[in-house]
Structures are given as structure tokens and as C-alpha cells.
Amino acid sequence: KDAKPTPKQEILEGVESLQIVYGEDTDNDDSANYYVSADAINNWNNVVSLRINLLLRSINNNVAKGSQHLVFNGAPIVTEKNDRYLRRAFTSTVSLRN
């Protein structure tokens, strides 16, 4: 019998983007030399950390007074002047053990 797909369930409201990049150590000092997407990893054995980038947007669109200037996933973002959603970017880097 075919299994029924599990319905999607939102666990956090207002997430506009979630990006994960991987820190690759190329000189064996246990520190990432650069961060790349999963499809750009040269050797998964060299991955020593993750950088999690989260862009959140307010639920209501009458919060911001004008355009916002943010940095998300290492790139600048400028919102439209009439957008009126408030956004905030969060970044966390996690070291991997073993």
C-alpha cells in the first residue's frame, strides 16, 4: 500500500527565508576557511561548521515606515518602500564535533 504523505505543518510563522551554508576546513586547522552551499562542498569530511541564516518578516504589513536595509546570508537586501513589512535577519554559526 502507498503511504499517505504527512501534511506539512508550519512550526514558525513569518519565516521568509532559511539558508544553511557549510564551513569547509581546507588547511586542517579545525576552522572553516569559507562557507558554501551543499552543492559546492569539495569534501564532506572537511565540513567543520554550519552557518544558519534566517530572515523573518512581520505578520502584519503596516509595521515598517519605509524601505529597510539588511544583510542576509552575506548579501545586502533593500526592501521596497511600500512593502511595510518589518524584517530581521538572524545568523548563527555552529561548530560540528567528531
N, C-alpha and C. Protein backbone atom coordinates (compact mmCIF):
# COMPACT_ATOMS: atom_id res chain seq x y z
N LYS A 1 0.84 -1.19 0.00
CA LYS A 1 0.00 0.00 0.00
C LYS A 1 0.88 1.24 0.00
N ASP A 2 0.40 2.25 -0.67
CA ASP A 2 1.10 3.53 -0.67
C ASP A 2 0.83 4.26 0.63
N ALA A 3 1.91 4.77 1.23
CA ALA A 3 1.77 5.54 2.47
C ALA A 3 1.25 6.93 2.13
N LYS A 4 0.37 7.43 2.95
CA LYS A 4 -0.14 8.78 2.74
C LYS A 4 0.93 9.78 3.15
N PRO A 5 1.14 10.83 2.36
CA PRO A 5 2.13 11.84 2.75
C PRO A 5 1.68 12.58 4.01
N THR A 6 2.65 12.88 4.83
CA THR A 6 2.36 13.63 6.05
C THR A 6 2.09 15.09 5.68
N PRO A 7 1.00 15.66 6.17
CA PRO A 7 0.72 17.06 5.83
C PRO A 7 1.80 17.98 6.40
N LYS A 8 2.12 19.03 5.65
CA LYS A 8 3.11 19.99 6.12
C LYS A 8 2.54 20.77 7.29
N GLN A 9 3.41 21.06 8.25
CA GLN A 9 2.98 21.79 9.43
C GLN A 9 3.97 22.91 9.70
N GLU A 10 3.47 24.12 9.73
CA GLU A 10 4.31 25.28 9.98
C GLU A 10 4.70 25.30 11.46
N ILE A 11 6.01 25.43 11.74
CA ILE A 11 6.45 25.46 13.13
C ILE A 11 6.87 26.85 13.57
N LEU A 12 7.10 27.75 12.62
CA LEU A 12 7.47 29.11 12.95
C LEU A 12 6.87 30.05 11.91
N GLU A 13 6.04 30.94 12.36
CA GLU A 13 5.34 31.87 11.48
C GLU A 13 6.26 33.03 11.10
N GLY A 14 6.15 33.48 9.86
CA GLY A 14 6.88 34.66 9.42
C GLY A 14 8.27 34.40 8.86
N VAL A 15 8.62 33.14 8.62
CA VAL A 15 9.94 32.85 8.04
C VAL A 15 9.88 33.13 6.55
N GLU A 16 10.66 34.08 6.11
CA GLU A 16 10.70 34.42 4.69
C GLU A 16 11.77 33.62 3.96
N SER A 17 12.89 33.35 4.65
CA SER A 17 13.96 32.56 4.04
C SER A 17 14.80 31.90 5.12
N LEU A 18 15.24 30.68 4.82
CA LEU A 18 16.16 29.93 5.68
C LEU A 18 17.25 29.39 4.77
N GLN A 19 18.48 29.76 5.05
CA GLN A 19 19.62 29.32 4.25
C GLN A 19 20.66 28.71 5.18
N ILE A 20 21.17 27.56 4.79
CA ILE A 20 22.23 26.90 5.56
C ILE A 20 23.44 26.77 4.65
N VAL A 21 24.58 27.24 5.14
CA VAL A 21 25.84 27.09 4.41
C VAL A 21 26.81 26.32 5.30
N TYR A 22 27.76 25.68 4.66
CA TYR A 22 28.65 24.76 5.33
C TYR A 22 30.07 25.29 5.34
N GLY A 23 30.70 25.25 6.51
CA GLY A 23 32.08 25.71 6.65
C GLY A 23 33.05 24.59 6.35
N GLU A 24 33.89 24.82 5.35
CA GLU A 24 34.84 23.79 4.93
C GLU A 24 36.25 24.19 5.36
N ASP A 25 36.93 23.28 6.04
CA ASP A 25 38.30 23.49 6.51
C ASP A 25 39.25 22.85 5.49
N THR A 26 40.02 23.68 4.79
CA THR A 26 40.90 23.16 3.74
C THR A 26 42.37 23.10 4.16
N ASP A 27 42.70 23.60 5.38
CA ASP A 27 44.10 23.58 5.81
C ASP A 27 44.30 22.84 7.14
N ASN A 28 43.30 22.04 7.53
CA ASN A 28 43.38 21.16 8.71
C ASN A 28 43.68 21.88 10.02
N ASP A 29 43.13 23.09 10.20
CA ASP A 29 43.29 23.78 11.48
C ASP A 29 42.00 23.78 12.30
N ASP A 30 41.03 22.95 11.90
CA ASP A 30 39.72 22.82 12.57
C ASP A 30 38.91 24.10 12.57
N SER A 31 39.16 24.98 11.62
CA SER A 31 38.42 26.22 11.46
C SER A 31 38.03 26.36 9.99
N ALA A 32 36.81 26.80 9.75
CA ALA A 32 36.33 26.93 8.37
C ALA A 32 37.11 28.01 7.63
N ASN A 33 37.55 27.68 6.43
CA ASN A 33 38.21 28.66 5.57
C ASN A 33 37.20 29.46 4.75
N TYR A 34 36.05 28.84 4.48
CA TYR A 34 34.97 29.52 3.74
C TYR A 34 33.68 28.76 3.96
N TYR A 35 32.57 29.42 3.63
CA TYR A 35 31.24 28.83 3.75
C TYR A 35 30.61 28.75 2.37
N VAL A 36 30.02 27.59 2.06
CA VAL A 36 29.41 27.37 0.75
C VAL A 36 28.12 26.58 0.91
N SER A 37 27.32 26.57 -0.15
CA SER A 37 26.10 25.76 -0.16
C SER A 37 26.48 24.28 -0.29
N ALA A 38 25.53 23.41 -0.02
CA ALA A 38 25.80 21.96 -0.02
C ALA A 38 26.30 21.46 -1.37
N ASP A 39 25.80 22.02 -2.45
CA ASP A 39 26.21 21.53 -3.76
C ASP A 39 27.62 21.98 -4.15
N ALA A 40 28.24 22.85 -3.36
CA ALA A 40 29.59 23.33 -3.66
C ALA A 40 30.66 22.74 -2.74
N ILE A 41 30.28 21.80 -1.88
CA ILE A 41 31.24 21.17 -0.97
C ILE A 41 32.21 20.31 -1.78
N ASN A 42 33.50 20.51 -1.57
CA ASN A 42 34.51 19.70 -2.26
C ASN A 42 34.71 18.35 -1.58
N ASN A 43 34.70 18.36 -0.23
CA ASN A 43 34.91 17.12 0.51
C ASN A 43 34.12 17.22 1.82
N TRP A 44 33.08 16.40 1.95
CA TRP A 44 32.22 16.47 3.14
C TRP A 44 32.99 16.16 4.43
N ASN A 45 34.09 15.45 4.34
CA ASN A 45 34.91 15.17 5.52
C ASN A 45 35.57 16.43 6.06
N ASN A 46 35.64 17.49 5.26
CA ASN A 46 36.26 18.75 5.68
C ASN A 46 35.26 19.75 6.27
N VAL A 47 34.00 19.39 6.33
CA VAL A 47 32.98 20.30 6.88
C VAL A 47 33.11 20.31 8.40
N VAL A 48 33.35 21.51 8.97
CA VAL A 48 33.56 21.63 10.42
C VAL A 48 32.51 22.49 11.11
N SER A 49 31.65 23.17 10.32
CA SER A 49 30.64 24.02 10.94
C SER A 49 29.49 24.29 9.97
N LEU A 50 28.40 24.79 10.54
CA LEU A 50 27.23 25.21 9.78
C LEU A 50 26.96 26.67 10.11
N ARG A 51 26.51 27.41 9.14
CA ARG A 51 26.04 28.77 9.39
C ARG A 51 24.57 28.80 8.96
N ILE A 52 23.71 29.10 9.92
CA ILE A 52 22.27 29.12 9.68
C ILE A 52 21.82 30.57 9.59
N ASN A 53 21.21 30.92 8.47
CA ASN A 53 20.73 32.28 8.21
C ASN A 53 19.21 32.26 8.13
N LEU A 54 18.58 33.10 8.92
CA LEU A 54 17.12 33.13 8.99
C LEU A 54 16.64 34.56 8.76
N LEU A 55 15.73 34.73 7.82
CA LEU A 55 15.13 36.04 7.56
C LEU A 55 13.66 35.96 7.95
N LEU A 56 13.30 36.75 8.97
CA LEU A 56 11.93 36.77 9.47
C LEU A 56 11.21 38.02 9.01
N ARG A 57 9.92 37.88 8.78
CA ARG A 57 9.09 39.00 8.35
C ARG A 57 7.89 39.11 9.28
N SER A 58 7.51 40.33 9.61
CA SER A 58 6.35 40.54 10.48
C SER A 58 5.09 39.97 9.82
N ILE A 59 4.15 39.58 10.64
CA ILE A 59 2.89 39.04 10.13
C ILE A 59 2.06 40.15 9.51
N ASN A 60 2.06 41.30 10.16
CA ASN A 60 1.30 42.46 9.67
C ASN A 60 2.16 43.29 8.74
N ASN A 61 1.54 43.91 7.74
CA ASN A 61 2.29 44.69 6.77
C ASN A 61 2.20 46.19 7.00
N ASN A 62 1.85 46.61 8.19
CA ASN A 62 1.75 48.04 8.48
C ASN A 62 2.71 48.40 9.62
N VAL A 63 3.91 47.82 9.60
CA VAL A 63 4.83 47.99 10.71
C VAL A 63 6.01 48.89 10.34
N ALA A 64 6.64 48.64 9.20
CA ALA A 64 7.80 49.44 8.79
C ALA A 64 7.32 50.73 8.12
N LYS A 65 8.09 51.81 8.32
CA LYS A 65 7.71 53.11 7.77
C LYS A 65 8.25 53.34 6.37
N GLY A 66 9.25 52.58 5.98
CA GLY A 66 9.85 52.75 4.66
C GLY A 66 10.70 51.55 4.33
N SER A 67 11.55 51.70 3.35
CA SER A 67 12.40 50.58 2.96
C SER A 67 13.41 50.27 4.06
N GLN A 68 13.82 49.02 4.12
CA GLN A 68 14.80 48.56 5.11
C GLN A 68 16.06 48.11 4.38
N HIS A 69 17.20 48.31 5.03
CA HIS A 69 18.49 47.86 4.51
C HIS A 69 19.01 46.79 5.46
N LEU A 70 19.13 45.57 4.96
CA LEU A 70 19.56 44.43 5.77
C LEU A 70 20.69 43.70 5.08
N VAL A 71 21.39 42.87 5.83
CA VAL A 71 22.34 41.93 5.26
C VAL A 71 21.83 40.55 5.62
N PHE A 72 21.61 39.72 4.59
CA PHE A 72 21.12 38.36 4.81
C PHE A 72 21.96 37.40 4.00
N ASN A 73 22.49 36.38 4.66
CA ASN A 73 23.31 35.36 4.02
C ASN A 73 24.49 35.99 3.28
N GLY A 74 25.03 37.05 3.87
CA GLY A 74 26.20 37.72 3.31
C GLY A 74 25.92 38.71 2.20
N ALA A 75 24.67 38.92 1.86
CA ALA A 75 24.33 39.84 0.76
C ALA A 75 23.40 40.94 1.25
N PRO A 76 23.57 42.17 0.73
CA PRO A 76 22.68 43.25 1.13
C PRO A 76 21.29 43.07 0.53
N ILE A 77 20.29 43.45 1.31
CA ILE A 77 18.89 43.42 0.87
C ILE A 77 18.29 44.79 1.15
N VAL A 78 17.59 45.34 0.19
CA VAL A 78 16.84 46.58 0.38
C VAL A 78 15.39 46.27 0.03
N THR A 79 14.49 46.48 0.98
CA THR A 79 13.08 46.19 0.72
C THR A 79 12.43 47.35 -0.03
N GLU A 80 11.33 47.05 -0.65
CA GLU A 80 10.58 48.08 -1.38
C GLU A 80 10.02 49.11 -0.39
N LYS A 81 9.95 50.35 -0.81
CA LYS A 81 9.49 51.43 0.06
C LYS A 81 8.06 51.20 0.55
N ASN A 82 7.20 50.67 -0.31
CA ASN A 82 5.79 50.47 0.04
C ASN A 82 5.51 49.09 0.64
N ASP A 83 6.53 48.30 0.90
CA ASP A 83 6.36 46.94 1.40
C ASP A 83 5.75 46.93 2.80
N ARG A 84 6.23 47.75 3.70
CA ARG A 84 5.72 47.97 5.06
C ARG A 84 5.82 46.78 6.02
N TYR A 85 6.36 45.63 5.57
CA TYR A 85 6.65 44.52 6.48
C TYR A 85 7.98 44.80 7.16
N LEU A 86 8.05 44.50 8.44
CA LEU A 86 9.30 44.64 9.17
C LEU A 86 10.06 43.32 9.07
N ARG A 87 11.34 43.40 8.72
CA ARG A 87 12.16 42.20 8.58
C ARG A 87 13.36 42.27 9.52
N ARG A 88 13.83 41.09 9.91
CA ARG A 88 15.02 41.00 10.75
C ARG A 88 15.79 39.75 10.35
N ALA A 89 17.08 39.90 10.21
CA ALA A 89 17.94 38.77 9.84
C ALA A 89 18.68 38.26 11.07
N PHE A 90 18.76 36.94 11.19
CA PHE A 90 19.49 36.28 12.27
C PHE A 90 20.48 35.30 11.66
N THR A 91 21.65 35.22 12.26
CA THR A 91 22.67 34.28 11.81
C THR A 91 23.29 33.61 13.03
N SER A 92 23.47 32.30 12.92
CA SER A 92 24.13 31.55 13.98
C SER A 92 25.09 30.55 13.34
N THR A 93 26.28 30.46 13.89
CA THR A 93 27.28 29.51 13.41
C THR A 93 27.48 28.44 14.46
N VAL A 94 27.43 27.19 14.01
CA VAL A 94 27.51 26.05 14.91
C VAL A 94 28.70 25.18 14.50
N SER A 95 29.59 24.91 15.45
CA SER A 95 30.72 24.00 15.18
C SER A 95 30.24 22.56 15.28
N LEU A 96 30.76 21.73 14.40
CA LEU A 96 30.42 20.30 14.42
C LEU A 96 31.51 19.53 15.13
N ARG A 97 31.11 18.60 15.94
CA ARG A 97 32.07 17.77 16.65
C ARG A 97 32.21 16.44 15.94
N ASN A 98 33.35 15.82 16.12
CA ASN A 98 33.63 14.49 15.54
C ASN A 98 33.70 14.58 14.05
